């Protein structure tokens, strides 16, 4: 799995988890969904993604989006 796919997978999981928490725990968990979406948007413009940096530390091989 490349770094790009790992970041997309992690973002998808976080969105689904936050939606489940919104449904079953509190509507305030929707803010986590908004944060993940905003982070995806800013990383598409800047190329900076904190999750990509963490995955690099764990040895995930680089992709073409996050160098």
C-alpha atoms as a PDB file:
ATOM      1  CA  UNK A   1       0.000   0.000   0.000  1.00  0.00           C
ATOM      2  CA  UNK A   2       1.395   3.385  -0.951  1.00  0.00           C
ATOM      3  CA  UNK A   3       1.338   6.472   1.206  1.00  0.00           C
ATOM      4  CA  UNK A   4      -1.388   8.064  -0.924  1.00  0.00           C
ATOM      5  CA  UNK A   5      -3.714   5.114  -0.539  1.00  0.00           C
ATOM      6  CA  UNK A   6      -2.990   4.833   3.178  1.00  0.00           C
ATOM      7  CA  UNK A   7      -3.954   8.479   3.701  1.00  0.00           C
ATOM      8  CA  UNK A   8      -7.159   8.077   1.679  1.00  0.00           C
ATOM      9  CA  UNK A   9      -8.031   4.881   3.553  1.00  0.00           C
ATOM     10  CA  UNK A  10      -7.409   6.552   6.925  1.00  0.00           C
ATOM     11  CA  UNK A  11      -9.519   9.579   5.960  1.00  0.00           C
ATOM     12  CA  UNK A  12     -12.375   7.328   4.864  1.00  0.00           C
ATOM     13  CA  UNK A  13     -12.262   5.333   8.083  1.00  0.00           C
ATOM     14  CA  UNK A  14     -12.208   8.517  10.167  1.00  0.00           C
ATOM     15  CA  UNK A  15     -15.230   9.898   8.311  1.00  0.00           C
ATOM     16  CA  UNK A  16     -17.220   6.689   8.784  1.00  0.00           C
ATOM     17  CA  UNK A  17     -16.270   6.478  12.472  1.00  0.00           C
ATOM     18  CA  UNK A  18     -17.227  10.094  13.071  1.00  0.00           C
ATOM     19  CA  UNK A  19     -20.558   9.599  11.316  1.00  0.00           C
ATOM     20  CA  UNK A  20     -21.273   6.560  13.491  1.00  0.00           C
ATOM     21  CA  UNK A  21     -20.348   8.524  16.608  1.00  0.00           C
ATOM     22  CA  UNK A  22     -22.612  11.363  15.439  1.00  0.00           C
ATOM     23  CA  UNK A  23     -25.487   8.944  15.050  1.00  0.00           C
ATOM     24  CA  UNK A  24     -25.051   6.984  18.272  1.00  0.00           C
ATOM     25  CA  UNK A  25     -23.248   9.304  20.708  1.00  0.00           C
ATOM     26  CA  UNK A  26     -23.595  13.018  20.035  1.00  0.00           C
ATOM     27  CA  UNK A  27     -24.197  15.327  17.067  1.00  0.00           C
ATOM     28  CA  UNK A  28     -21.058  17.224  18.070  1.00  0.00           C
ATOM     29  CA  UNK A  29     -18.960  14.446  16.503  1.00  0.00           C
ATOM     30  CA  UNK A  30     -19.893  15.963  13.138  1.00  0.00           C
ATOM     31  CA  UNK A  31     -17.042  18.411  13.799  1.00  0.00           C
ATOM     32  CA  UNK A  32     -14.581  15.547  13.342  1.00  0.00           C
ATOM     33  CA  UNK A  33     -16.066  14.880   9.916  1.00  0.00           C
ATOM     34  CA  UNK A  34     -15.677  18.566   9.061  1.00  0.00           C
ATOM     35  CA  UNK A  35     -12.069  18.549  10.273  1.00  0.00           C
ATOM     36  CA  UNK A  36     -11.162  15.525   8.143  1.00  0.00           C
ATOM     37  CA  UNK A  37     -12.787  17.102   5.087  1.00  0.00           C
ATOM     38  CA  UNK A  38     -11.024  20.428   5.652  1.00  0.00           C
ATOM     39  CA  UNK A  39      -7.697  18.630   6.076  1.00  0.00           C
ATOM     40  CA  UNK A  40      -8.224  16.781   2.786  1.00  0.00           C
ATOM     41  CA  UNK A  41      -8.941  20.067   1.011  1.00  0.00           C
ATOM     42  CA  UNK A  42      -5.917  21.889   2.427  1.00  0.00           C
ATOM     43  CA  UNK A  43      -3.597  18.958   1.717  1.00  0.00           C
ATOM     44  CA  UNK A  44      -4.711  18.914  -1.910  1.00  0.00           C
ATOM     45  CA  UNK A  45      -3.550  22.537  -2.258  1.00  0.00           C
ATOM     46  CA  UNK A  46      -0.445  22.509  -0.059  1.00  0.00           C
ATOM     47  CA  UNK A  47       0.771  18.896  -0.175  1.00  0.00           C
ATOM     48  CA  UNK A  48       1.121  18.993   3.634  1.00  0.00           C
ATOM     49  CA  UNK A  49      -0.702  16.233   5.495  1.00  0.00           C
ATOM     50  CA  UNK A  50      -0.013  15.310   9.132  1.00  0.00           C
ATOM     51  CA  UNK A  51      -1.336  11.785   8.575  1.00  0.00           C
ATOM     52  CA  UNK A  52       1.123  11.299   5.699  1.00  0.00           C
ATOM     53  CA  UNK A  53       3.969  12.333   7.977  1.00  0.00           C
ATOM     54  CA  UNK A  54       2.912   9.762  10.578  1.00  0.00           C
ATOM     55  CA  UNK A  55       2.575   7.004   7.974  1.00  0.00           C
ATOM     56  CA  UNK A  56       6.077   7.844   6.681  1.00  0.00           C
ATOM     57  CA  UNK A  57       7.424   7.350  10.200  1.00  0.00           C
ATOM     58  CA  UNK A  58       5.863   3.875  10.208  1.00  0.00           C
ATOM     59  CA  UNK A  59       7.669   3.058   6.966  1.00  0.00           C
ATOM     60  CA  UNK A  60       4.846   3.218   4.434  1.00  0.00           C
ATOM     61  CA  UNK A  61       6.389   3.655   0.984  1.00  0.00           C
ATOM     62  CA  UNK A  62       5.863   7.002  -0.676  1.00  0.00           C
ATOM     63  CA  UNK A  63       3.399   7.721  -3.420  1.00  0.00           C
ATOM     64  CA  UNK A  64       3.155  10.470  -5.974  1.00  0.00           C
ATOM     65  CA  UNK A  65       0.968  12.905  -3.990  1.00  0.00           C
ATOM     66  CA  UNK A  66       2.876  13.199  -0.703  1.00  0.00           C
ATOM     67  CA  UNK A  67       6.645  13.407  -1.159  1.00  0.00           C
END
